[in-house]
């Protein structure tokens, strides 16, 4: 009797297995942009839905697909740096005290020593010049400071590059397109900078920028938009950025934006400045897990530049109380500026704690200077900037040393200046000794102590022309963008599911049939 009970149980189980093929579980699917989803979102205070089959509708779908691909696949490289190497240089007074790096543009490639500017967006170089800085007078400075006797400052000409082409006035990144006579004519640009009467103007060009990675010793070619700087004015004629400027800002036209949209690296970059006037730049770098960070602050609801909120200053062990102000983090500004009311509190407390006589140093841009000597250097109190959530940023180099005619230490100055603006500027001098991470993906500024040597595993690469005179990584377009794995991602296209072939045997049916035979055989063996 037990045998027949066991057989009955096995046959019942096999029936359930066989009949499960015909059982179906279902649930309604609601498209995220359907009318039903729109009504539900409106009831929760959600935004407006794009009209079905409108251009905006398909653009949103395509943009979402591209972002999903990048999240799933990740970026192609962990970090990138210019093909000439990741090193940056501070070349002193001859070059306006800014940090510079070598980049290569065009085919054949031309090298440029560009200033690094996190406060602007466009990469521009001197090009088919009408009014540019004379380049011949800088060769001796390069020999002395960089030991690069074979390097000259470059001049760009789109006509001499096989990979160049003009950006038309109809291009989405042509800011002055509305002033053009025709949508097909070359797009002009005109940028005014914060320094008095300082500007650059010319035409926008698409061309190849050469990068490198420690993961791949081949040069990496990618398309970017470059300002063909025909006319410069102000400081750009007097030693500042004579060979061009690399804008690192939030704008869609900046090099970090192009590299991230192409899927080459994450949407982030880092700058590291050493005490010895050199440093490093890495694109895609998001820093270390132990770094501190503070969020970027939007301006009029948009993230257009790197603004952070400071809450207070501490001088030595004494904190000055809460004085909230916003500050621009700008590698293109050599020194640090504070709003007048903050500046007075900081300098007054600093002066109170410094046990040294004041020094009248007429040529100094700073107000608070003090006497010192090689035999007696007074103790300098620490200067600490306090960000939100009690994140402290200790300035490694709050003072600049002054040397006499014989090269001996004569004094030092607190390298802070006042500004009538309500917004301050954190310049290069406060960033010295830090790995500064501009994490645009997570909208935050990160920092960690670094001598920049721990980042130095980069080497220049030998450049070769791109295949068919076009870069490996062209400019992303609305219709098609490159994913991190190099495959093209097309916009979402609606379509029907292909009909099933009724004559084809389903793998599931075959498996269930085999299982039934096995159950029957086991039952027969058991009874026998």
Protein backbone atom coordinates (compact mmCIF):
# COMPACT_ATOMS: atom_id res chain seq x y z
CA UNK A 1 0.00 0.00 0.00
CA UNK A 2 2.89 2.34 0.81
CA UNK A 3 4.33 1.75 -2.63
CA UNK A 4 1.06 2.75 -4.31
CA UNK A 5 0.84 5.87 -2.07
CA UNK A 6 4.37 6.87 -3.04
CA UNK A 7 3.58 6.30 -6.72
CA UNK A 8 0.45 8.45 -6.42
CA UNK A 9 2.45 11.24 -4.79
CA UNK A 10 5.07 11.12 -7.54
CA UNK A 11 2.45 11.15 -10.25
CA UNK A 12 0.72 14.14 -8.60
CA UNK A 13 4.04 16.01 -8.42
CA UNK A 14 4.76 15.23 -12.06
CA UNK A 15 1.31 16.50 -13.01
CA UNK A 16 2.03 19.78 -11.22
CA UNK A 17 5.37 20.08 -12.99
CA UNK A 18 3.76 19.41 -16.35
CA UNK A 19 0.80 21.74 -15.77
CA UNK A 20 3.06 24.58 -14.53
CA UNK A 21 3.94 25.24 -18.18
CA UNK A 22 0.45 26.57 -18.70
CA UNK A 23 0.40 28.70 -15.53
CA UNK A 24 1.19 32.42 -16.00
CA UNK A 25 1.75 35.16 -13.46
CA UNK A 26 1.17 38.68 -14.76
CA UNK A 27 1.29 42.31 -13.67
CA UNK A 28 0.38 45.54 -15.43
CA UNK A 29 3.30 47.56 -16.79
CA UNK A 30 2.96 51.34 -16.77
CA UNK A 31 5.33 53.40 -18.93
CA UNK A 32 7.08 56.10 -16.93
CA UNK A 33 5.83 58.80 -19.36
CA UNK A 34 2.28 57.44 -19.80
CA UNK A 35 -0.77 59.53 -18.96
CA UNK A 36 -1.45 57.29 -15.96
CA UNK A 37 2.08 57.84 -14.58
CA UNK A 38 1.74 61.57 -15.22
CA UNK A 39 -1.47 61.77 -13.19
CA UNK A 40 0.15 59.82 -10.34
CA UNK A 41 3.21 62.09 -10.37
CA UNK A 42 1.08 65.23 -10.43
CA UNK A 43 -0.77 64.03 -7.34
CA UNK A 44 2.62 63.82 -5.57
CA UNK A 45 3.72 67.27 -6.77
CA UNK A 46 5.91 65.93 -9.60
CA UNK A 47 7.04 67.87 -12.66
CA UNK A 48 5.49 68.03 -16.14
CA UNK A 49 5.64 65.01 -18.43
CA UNK A 50 6.89 65.44 -22.03
CA UNK A 51 4.21 64.98 -24.69
CA UNK A 52 4.23 61.50 -26.23
CA UNK A 53 6.07 61.25 -29.55
CA UNK A 54 7.41 64.80 -29.19
CA UNK A 55 11.10 65.60 -29.80
CA UNK A 56 11.55 66.22 -26.07
CA UNK A 57 9.96 62.81 -25.31
CA UNK A 58 12.53 60.91 -27.39
CA UNK A 59 15.43 63.08 -26.19
CA UNK A 60 14.59 62.27 -22.56
CA UNK A 61 14.36 58.56 -23.34
CA UNK A 62 17.67 58.55 -25.21
CA UNK A 63 19.43 60.54 -22.48
CA UNK A 64 18.14 58.12 -19.85
CA UNK A 65 19.35 55.11 -21.87
CA UNK A 66 22.83 56.59 -22.26
CA UNK A 67 23.12 57.37 -18.56
CA UNK A 68 21.92 53.83 -17.72
CA UNK A 69 24.57 52.32 -19.98
CA UNK A 70 27.28 54.39 -18.28
CA UNK A 71 26.07 53.33 -14.82
CA UNK A 72 26.06 49.67 -15.82
CA UNK A 73 29.34 49.63 -17.70
CA UNK A 74 31.33 52.30 -15.86
CA UNK A 75 33.94 54.57 -17.43
CA UNK A 76 36.58 53.19 -19.75
CA UNK A 77 39.54 54.51 -17.74
CA UNK A 78 40.03 55.19 -14.06
CA UNK A 79 42.00 58.38 -14.73
CA UNK A 80 43.39 60.28 -17.70
CA UNK A 81 46.05 62.98 -17.99
CA UNK A 82 47.49 65.02 -20.90
CA UNK A 83 49.65 63.02 -23.29
CA UNK A 84 52.70 65.08 -22.28
CA UNK A 85 52.27 63.88 -18.68
CA UNK A 86 50.27 64.83 -15.59
CA UNK A 87 52.79 67.33 -14.22
CA UNK A 88 51.84 70.98 -13.72
CA UNK A 89 54.21 73.92 -13.23
CA UNK A 90 54.07 77.27 -11.46
CA UNK A 91 56.40 79.47 -13.49
CA UNK A 92 56.38 82.50 -11.19
CA UNK A 93 56.01 86.12 -12.11
CA UNK A 94 56.86 85.73 -15.81
CA UNK A 95 53.69 83.67 -16.27
CA UNK A 96 51.40 85.38 -13.76
CA UNK A 97 51.97 82.91 -10.86
CA UNK A 98 49.53 80.39 -12.35
CA UNK A 99 49.93 76.64 -12.78
CA UNK A 100 50.45 75.33 -16.32
CA UNK A 101 50.57 71.99 -18.11
CA UNK A 102 51.55 70.82 -21.61
CA UNK A 103 48.81 69.55 -23.94
CA UNK A 104 48.79 68.36 -27.57
CA UNK A 105 46.17 69.39 -30.12
CA UNK A 106 45.52 68.63 -33.80
CA UNK A 107 46.99 66.40 -36.51
CA UNK A 108 49.92 66.68 -36.73
CA UNK A 109 49.94 67.52 -33.04
CA UNK A 110 51.11 70.91 -31.73
CA UNK A 111 52.12 71.37 -28.07
CA UNK A 112 50.79 74.20 -25.91
CA UNK A 113 51.67 75.30 -22.37
CA UNK A 114 48.17 76.17 -21.08
CA UNK A 115 47.19 77.78 -17.79
CA UNK A 116 44.81 75.75 -15.59
CA UNK A 117 41.61 77.63 -14.75
CA UNK A 118 38.79 76.03 -12.75
CA UNK A 119 36.90 79.34 -12.91
CA UNK A 120 36.13 79.22 -16.65
CA UNK A 121 35.03 76.63 -19.23
CA UNK A 122 36.66 77.03 -22.64
CA UNK A 123 40.00 75.60 -23.77
CA UNK A 124 41.53 78.25 -26.06
CA UNK A 125 44.97 78.67 -27.63
CA UNK A 126 46.58 81.44 -29.73
CA UNK A 127 45.45 80.87 -33.30
CA UNK A 128 45.72 82.77 -36.60
CA UNK A 129 46.49 85.75 -34.42
CA UNK A 130 45.30 89.29 -34.91
CA UNK A 131 46.30 90.34 -31.37
CA UNK A 132 48.12 87.77 -29.23
CA UNK A 133 50.95 87.78 -26.70
CA UNK A 134 54.42 87.56 -28.27
CA UNK A 135 55.71 84.03 -27.70
CA UNK A 136 59.39 84.52 -28.46
CA UNK A 137 60.33 86.13 -25.14
CA UNK A 138 59.42 83.10 -22.99
CA UNK A 139 61.97 80.58 -24.24
CA UNK A 140 64.62 81.48 -21.64
CA UNK A 141 62.06 81.10 -18.83
CA UNK A 142 61.16 77.61 -20.04
CA UNK A 143 64.84 76.65 -20.19
CA UNK A 144 65.47 77.93 -16.68
CA UNK A 145 62.34 76.74 -14.92
CA UNK A 146 61.54 73.52 -16.77
CA UNK A 147 64.83 72.47 -18.30
CA UNK A 148 63.03 72.03 -21.63
CA UNK A 149 65.39 73.46 -24.19
CA UNK A 150 63.52 71.62 -26.96
CA UNK A 151 60.08 73.01 -26.06
CA UNK A 152 58.61 76.13 -27.61
CA UNK A 153 55.28 77.82 -27.06
CA UNK A 154 52.92 76.87 -29.91
CA UNK A 155 50.62 78.61 -32.36
CA UNK A 156 47.53 76.83 -33.68
CA UNK A 157 46.14 77.03 -37.19
CA UNK A 158 43.03 74.96 -38.02
CA UNK A 159 44.01 74.90 -41.70
CA UNK A 160 47.16 72.94 -40.83
CA UNK A 161 45.35 70.26 -38.80
CA UNK A 162 43.81 67.38 -40.76
CA UNK A 163 41.36 66.67 -37.92
CA UNK A 164 40.01 70.19 -37.45
CA UNK A 165 36.63 71.52 -38.50
CA UNK A 166 34.70 74.66 -37.72
CA UNK A 167 31.84 74.57 -35.24
CA UNK A 168 28.76 76.06 -36.91
CA UNK A 169 26.49 78.70 -35.42
CA UNK A 170 23.71 76.09 -35.23
CA UNK A 171 25.73 73.92 -32.81
CA UNK A 172 24.15 73.54 -29.37
CA UNK A 173 27.37 74.77 -27.70
CA UNK A 174 27.60 77.94 -29.78
CA UNK A 175 26.71 80.56 -27.17
CA UNK A 176 26.75 83.42 -29.71
CA UNK A 177 24.74 81.54 -32.35
CA UNK A 178 21.85 84.01 -32.19
CA UNK A 179 24.15 86.81 -33.40
CA UNK A 180 25.21 84.92 -36.55
CA UNK A 181 23.93 85.91 -40.00
CA UNK A 182 23.65 82.26 -41.01
CA UNK A 183 23.37 79.04 -38.97
CA UNK A 184 26.10 77.52 -41.17
CA UNK A 185 28.76 80.15 -40.59
CA UNK A 186 31.62 79.46 -38.10
CA UNK A 187 30.65 80.06 -34.47
CA UNK A 188 32.37 83.05 -32.83
CA UNK A 189 33.24 83.28 -29.14
CA UNK A 190 34.06 86.20 -26.87
CA UNK A 191 34.90 85.65 -23.18
CA UNK A 192 35.54 88.38 -20.62
CA UNK A 193 37.47 87.29 -17.54
CA UNK A 194 37.40 88.69 -14.01
CA UNK A 195 40.78 90.44 -14.39
CA UNK A 196 40.32 93.99 -15.62
CA UNK A 197 39.94 94.33 -19.43
CA UNK A 198 41.10 90.73 -19.92
CA UNK A 199 39.40 88.77 -22.70
CA UNK A 200 39.81 86.22 -25.48
CA UNK A 201 37.84 86.06 -28.73
CA UNK A 202 37.89 84.12 -31.99
CA UNK A 203 36.18 81.07 -33.49
CA UNK A 204 35.20 77.66 -32.10
CA UNK A 205 36.93 74.65 -33.68
CA UNK A 206 36.46 70.92 -33.17
CA UNK A 207 39.77 69.06 -33.09
CA UNK A 208 41.68 66.21 -31.45
CA UNK A 209 43.04 66.43 -27.91
CA UNK A 210 45.57 63.76 -26.92
CA UNK A 211 45.33 62.10 -23.51
CA UNK A 212 47.10 59.20 -21.76
CA UNK A 213 46.33 56.63 -19.08
CA UNK A 214 48.42 54.42 -16.84
CA UNK A 215 46.12 51.55 -17.83
CA UNK A 216 46.96 51.84 -21.54
CA UNK A 217 50.28 53.14 -22.83
CA UNK A 218 48.78 54.12 -26.18
CA UNK A 219 47.73 57.74 -26.74
CA UNK A 220 44.00 58.33 -26.35
CA UNK A 221 42.52 60.66 -28.95
CA UNK A 222 39.27 62.45 -28.27
CA UNK A 223 37.41 65.31 -29.91
CA UNK A 224 36.87 68.53 -27.98
CA UNK A 225 35.87 72.08 -28.85
CA UNK A 226 38.76 74.56 -28.85
CA UNK A 227 38.74 78.33 -28.96
CA UNK A 228 40.84 79.54 -31.89
CA UNK A 229 41.99 82.64 -30.00
CA UNK A 230 42.57 85.29 -32.63
CA UNK A 231 42.45 88.28 -30.29
CA UNK A 232 43.46 88.55 -26.61
CA UNK A 233 43.49 91.60 -24.34
CA UNK A 234 44.52 92.76 -20.87
CA UNK A 235 46.52 90.31 -18.77
CA UNK A 236 46.71 87.82 -21.66
CA UNK A 237 49.05 90.26 -23.42
CA UNK A 238 51.19 90.81 -20.31
CA UNK A 239 52.42 87.34 -19.39
CA UNK A 240 49.30 85.55 -18.16
CA UNK A 241 48.52 82.43 -20.24
CA UNK A 242 50.47 83.53 -23.34
CA UNK A 243 50.07 80.06 -24.88
CA UNK A 244 46.42 79.47 -24.00
CA UNK A 245 44.12 78.52 -21.16
CA UNK A 246 42.48 75.21 -20.17
CA UNK A 247 39.04 75.91 -18.70
CA UNK A 248 38.00 73.24 -16.18
CA UNK A 249 34.58 74.62 -15.22
CA UNK A 250 31.12 73.07 -15.01
CA UNK A 251 30.13 74.19 -18.54
CA UNK A 252 29.26 71.66 -21.25
CA UNK A 253 32.09 73.02 -23.42
CA UNK A 254 34.86 72.29 -20.88
CA UNK A 255 37.33 69.43 -21.34
CA UNK A 256 36.14 67.55 -18.18
CA UNK A 257 32.59 67.65 -19.59
CA UNK A 258 33.67 66.23 -22.96
CA UNK A 259 35.72 63.44 -21.36
CA UNK A 260 32.84 62.42 -19.08
CA UNK A 261 30.17 62.54 -21.82
CA UNK A 262 32.35 60.34 -24.02
CA UNK A 263 32.44 57.71 -21.27
CA UNK A 264 36.23 57.86 -21.00
CA UNK A 265 36.34 58.78 -17.29
CA UNK A 266 34.02 59.66 -14.41
CA UNK A 267 32.80 63.24 -14.25
CA UNK A 268 35.50 64.48 -11.89
CA UNK A 269 39.07 65.77 -11.88
CA UNK A 270 41.77 66.57 -9.34
CA UNK A 271 44.49 69.18 -8.97
CA UNK A 272 47.43 68.77 -6.63
CA UNK A 273 49.81 71.65 -5.92
CA UNK A 274 53.18 71.13 -4.22
CA UNK A 275 55.21 73.57 -2.13
CA UNK A 276 57.95 73.43 -4.79
CA UNK A 277 55.68 75.03 -7.41
CA UNK A 278 54.84 71.84 -9.28
CA UNK A 279 51.84 69.54 -9.14
CA UNK A 280 49.56 67.07 -10.92
CA UNK A 281 46.29 67.04 -12.84
CA UNK A 282 44.12 63.93 -13.30
CA UNK A 283 40.77 63.66 -15.08
CA UNK A 284 38.31 61.12 -13.64
CA UNK A 285 39.96 61.16 -10.20
CA UNK A 286 37.40 61.02 -7.37
CA UNK A 287 39.95 61.02 -4.57
CA UNK A 288 40.36 58.67 -1.63
CA UNK A 289 37.86 57.26 0.86
CA UNK A 290 39.46 59.16 3.75
CA UNK A 291 39.21 62.62 2.17
CA UNK A 292 37.01 65.36 3.60
CA UNK A 293 34.41 67.04 1.42
CA UNK A 294 31.86 69.82 1.28
CA UNK A 295 29.02 70.26 -1.26
CA UNK A 296 29.09 72.71 -4.14
CA UNK A 297 26.51 75.47 -3.90
CA UNK A 298 24.31 76.31 -6.93
CA UNK A 299 24.07 79.88 -8.20
CA UNK A 300 20.49 80.87 -9.04
CA UNK A 301 19.55 77.21 -9.01
CA UNK A 302 22.33 76.12 -11.44
CA UNK A 303 25.81 74.69 -10.97
CA UNK A 304 27.84 77.00 -13.17
CA UNK A 305 31.05 77.21 -11.16
CA UNK A 306 32.72 75.68 -8.09
CA UNK A 307 31.22 77.57 -5.15
CA UNK A 308 31.38 76.31 -1.56
CA UNK A 309 29.95 77.66 1.69
CA UNK A 310 32.35 78.55 4.51
CA UNK A 311 31.11 79.01 8.05
CA UNK A 312 34.07 80.35 9.97
CA UNK A 313 37.84 80.84 10.32
CA UNK A 314 40.10 79.67 13.12
CA UNK A 315 43.44 81.41 13.73
CA UNK A 316 45.66 79.23 15.87
CA UNK A 317 43.43 77.75 18.55
CA UNK A 318 40.92 80.62 18.49
CA UNK A 319 37.86 80.40 16.24
CA UNK A 320 36.16 83.63 15.19
CA UNK A 321 32.53 82.57 15.48
CA UNK A 322 30.08 81.87 12.71
CA UNK A 323 30.49 84.14 9.67
CA UNK A 324 28.89 82.35 6.72
CA UNK A 325 30.04 83.36 3.24
CA UNK A 326 30.33 81.75 -0.19
CA UNK A 327 33.65 81.31 -1.93
CA UNK A 328 34.70 80.38 -5.46
CA UNK A 329 37.34 77.61 -5.63
CA UNK A 330 39.53 78.79 -8.51
CA UNK A 331 42.89 77.40 -9.64
CA UNK A 332 43.13 80.33 -12.06
CA UNK A 333 43.52 82.78 -9.14
CA UNK A 334 46.99 82.77 -7.59
CA UNK A 335 46.04 84.09 -4.17
CA UNK A 336 43.01 84.08 -1.85
CA UNK A 337 40.45 86.88 -1.46
CA UNK A 338 38.00 87.34 1.42
CA UNK A 339 34.98 89.64 1.73
CA UNK A 340 35.94 92.84 3.59
CA UNK A 341 34.20 92.02 6.87
CA UNK A 342 35.69 88.50 7.00
CA UNK A 343 39.13 89.79 5.97
CA UNK A 344 39.24 92.32 8.82
CA UNK A 345 38.38 89.73 11.48
CA UNK A 346 40.91 87.19 10.17
CA UNK A 347 43.81 89.63 9.74
CA UNK A 348 43.19 91.36 13.07
CA UNK A 349 43.34 88.06 14.95
CA UNK A 350 46.36 86.87 12.94
CA UNK A 351 48.21 90.12 13.66
CA UNK A 352 47.40 89.80 17.38
CA UNK A 353 48.96 86.33 17.55
CA UNK A 354 52.13 87.03 15.53
CA UNK A 355 54.96 88.08 17.79
CA UNK A 356 56.99 90.03 15.22
CA UNK A 357 57.34 93.68 14.10
CA UNK A 358 55.38 94.75 11.03
CA UNK A 359 57.30 95.22 7.77
CA UNK A 360 56.54 98.02 5.31
CA UNK A 361 56.88 96.16 2.03
CA UNK A 362 55.69 98.57 -0.65
CA UNK A 363 55.74 96.21 -3.62
CA UNK A 364 53.72 93.54 -1.81
CA UNK A 365 50.02 93.13 -2.67
CA UNK A 366 49.42 92.12 0.95
CA UNK A 367 48.73 94.35 3.92
CA UNK A 368 50.06 92.25 6.79
CA UNK A 369 53.81 91.66 6.41
CA UNK A 370 56.35 90.97 9.19
CA UNK A 371 60.10 90.99 9.70
CA UNK A 372 62.04 87.76 9.90
CA UNK A 373 65.58 86.53 9.41
CA UNK A 374 67.38 83.25 8.72
CA UNK A 375 68.23 83.12 12.41
CA UNK A 376 64.80 84.05 13.72
CA UNK A 377 61.54 83.03 12.07
CA UNK A 378 58.55 83.85 14.29
CA UNK A 379 55.92 81.18 14.95
CA UNK A 380 53.13 81.58 12.40
CA UNK A 381 49.64 80.68 13.70
CA UNK A 382 47.63 78.18 11.68
CA UNK A 383 44.84 79.45 9.45
CA UNK A 384 41.86 77.06 9.26
CA UNK A 385 38.77 77.44 7.12
CA UNK A 386 35.66 75.73 8.53
CA UNK A 387 33.11 74.39 6.04
CA UNK A 388 29.64 72.97 6.69
CA UNK A 389 29.27 70.00 9.07
CA UNK A 390 32.46 71.11 10.87
CA UNK A 391 34.79 70.10 7.99
CA UNK A 392 38.11 71.84 8.58
CA UNK A 393 40.53 72.93 5.87
CA UNK A 394 43.95 73.89 7.30
CA UNK A 395 45.94 76.18 4.99
CA UNK A 396 49.40 74.67 4.53
CA UNK A 397 50.80 77.88 3.04
CA UNK A 398 48.98 80.89 4.54
CA UNK A 399 52.13 83.07 4.25
CA UNK A 400 54.63 83.98 1.54
CA UNK A 401 58.27 84.45 2.44
CA UNK A 402 60.18 87.53 1.33
CA UNK A 403 63.88 87.34 0.52
CA UNK A 404 66.46 90.10 0.42
CA UNK A 405 68.91 90.97 -2.33
CA UNK A 406 71.38 88.31 -1.22
CA UNK A 407 68.71 85.62 -1.09
CA UNK A 408 68.36 85.64 2.68
CA UNK A 409 64.98 85.50 4.40
CA UNK A 410 63.85 89.05 5.19
CA UNK A 411 60.19 88.63 6.16
CA UNK A 412 56.81 87.06 5.40
CA UNK A 413 53.29 88.22 4.50
CA UNK A 414 49.85 86.79 5.20
CA UNK A 415 48.79 85.95 1.64
CA UNK A 416 45.17 87.08 1.94
CA UNK A 417 43.55 90.05 0.22
CA UNK A 418 40.23 91.78 0.72
CA UNK A 419 37.49 92.19 -1.86
CA UNK A 420 34.41 94.39 -1.90
CA UNK A 421 32.41 91.46 -3.31
CA UNK A 422 30.28 89.35 -0.99
CA UNK A 423 31.88 86.20 -2.45
CA UNK A 424 35.45 85.20 -1.66
CA UNK A 425 37.94 83.25 -3.80
CA UNK A 426 40.00 80.29 -2.61
CA UNK A 427 43.10 80.56 -4.77
CA UNK A 428 46.08 78.35 -5.48
CA UNK A 429 48.00 79.34 -2.36
CA UNK A 430 45.42 77.81 0.01
CA UNK A 431 45.21 74.63 -2.11
CA UNK A 432 48.95 73.96 -1.83
CA UNK A 433 49.74 70.62 -0.17
CA UNK A 434 46.33 69.17 -0.99
CA UNK A 435 44.85 66.84 -3.55
CA UNK A 436 41.81 68.91 -4.49
CA UNK A 437 39.03 66.81 -6.04
CA UNK A 438 36.36 68.59 -8.09
CA UNK A 439 33.74 65.82 -8.04
CA UNK A 440 31.19 67.12 -10.51
CA UNK A 441 29.32 63.80 -10.55
CA UNK A 442 28.48 64.01 -6.83
CA UNK A 443 28.56 67.83 -6.71
CA UNK A 444 31.16 68.16 -3.97
CA UNK A 445 34.68 69.40 -3.35
CA UNK A 446 37.03 66.87 -1.74
CA UNK A 447 40.48 67.36 -0.25
CA UNK A 448 43.20 65.26 1.35
CA UNK A 449 46.78 66.02 2.36
CA UNK A 450 49.23 65.11 -0.40
CA UNK A 451 52.74 65.90 -1.56
CA UNK A 452 51.57 64.99 -5.11
CA UNK A 453 54.39 62.46 -5.42
CA UNK A 454 52.07 59.67 -4.28
CA UNK A 455 50.05 60.40 -7.43
CA UNK A 456 53.07 60.40 -9.75
CA UNK A 457 52.91 57.22 -11.81
CA UNK A 458 52.24 58.93 -15.13
CA UNK A 459 54.52 59.11 -18.13
CA UNK A 460 54.25 60.88 -21.50
CA UNK A 461 53.21 58.74 -24.46
CA UNK A 462 54.44 58.75 -28.04
CA UNK A 463 51.83 60.28 -30.30
CA UNK A 464 50.68 58.76 -33.57
CA UNK A 465 48.03 60.11 -35.95
CA UNK A 466 44.49 58.75 -35.42
CA UNK A 467 43.13 56.29 -37.99
CA UNK A 468 41.64 57.96 -41.07
CA UNK A 469 42.64 61.30 -39.53
CA UNK A 470 39.71 61.17 -37.12
CA UNK A 471 39.90 60.67 -33.35
CA UNK A 472 38.93 57.46 -31.59
CA UNK A 473 36.43 59.35 -29.45
CA UNK A 474 34.42 61.82 -31.54
CA UNK A 475 32.16 64.47 -30.06
CA UNK A 476 28.98 62.92 -28.63
CA UNK A 477 25.84 63.95 -30.51
CA UNK A 478 22.14 63.93 -29.69
CA UNK A 479 21.64 60.98 -32.04
CA UNK A 480 24.46 58.73 -30.87
CA UNK A 481 26.99 58.67 -28.06
CA UNK A 482 29.88 56.38 -27.28
CA UNK A 483 29.55 54.12 -24.26
CA UNK A 484 32.52 53.30 -22.01
CA UNK A 485 33.00 49.99 -23.81
CA UNK A 486 33.15 51.63 -27.22
CA UNK A 487 29.73 50.50 -28.48
CA UNK A 488 27.24 52.94 -29.92
CA UNK A 489 24.02 53.54 -28.06
CA UNK A 490 21.13 54.61 -30.27
CA UNK A 491 18.06 56.44 -29.02
CA UNK A 492 15.20 54.29 -27.76
CA UNK A 493 13.03 53.00 -30.64
CA UNK A 494 9.51 51.65 -30.15
CA UNK A 495 8.74 48.31 -31.87
CA UNK A 496 6.78 45.08 -31.68
CA UNK A 497 8.08 41.88 -30.11
CA UNK A 498 8.86 39.32 -32.87
CA UNK A 499 6.17 36.57 -33.05
CA UNK A 500 7.06 33.20 -31.58
CA UNK A 501 7.51 30.22 -33.91
CA UNK A 502 4.83 27.70 -32.78
CA UNK A 503 6.68 24.82 -34.36
CA UNK A 504 9.83 25.41 -32.33
CA UNK A 505 10.08 23.27 -29.20
CA UNK A 506 10.42 25.30 -25.99
CA UNK A 507 13.45 24.34 -23.88
CA UNK A 508 11.20 24.47 -20.81
CA UNK A 509 8.76 21.91 -22.30
CA UNK A 510 11.61 19.55 -23.18
CA UNK A 511 13.01 19.78 -19.66
CA UNK A 512 9.61 19.10 -18.11
CA UNK A 513 9.05 16.07 -20.36
CA UNK A 514 12.43 14.61 -19.33
CA UNK A 515 11.58 15.17 -15.67
CA UNK A 516 8.27 13.27 -16.11
CA UNK A 517 10.05 10.28 -17.63
CA UNK A 518 12.57 10.27 -14.78
CA UNK A 519 9.80 10.33 -12.15
CA UNK A 520 8.01 7.43 -13.86
CA UNK A 521 11.19 5.33 -14.00
CA UNK A 522 11.92 5.92 -10.31
CA UNK A 523 8.38 4.89 -9.44
CA UNK A 524 8.60 1.66 -11.44
CA UNK A 525 11.94 0.78 -9.84
CA UNK A 526 10.53 1.46 -6.38
CA UNK A 527 7.45 -0.75 -6.97
CA UNK A 528 9.58 -3.48 -8.47
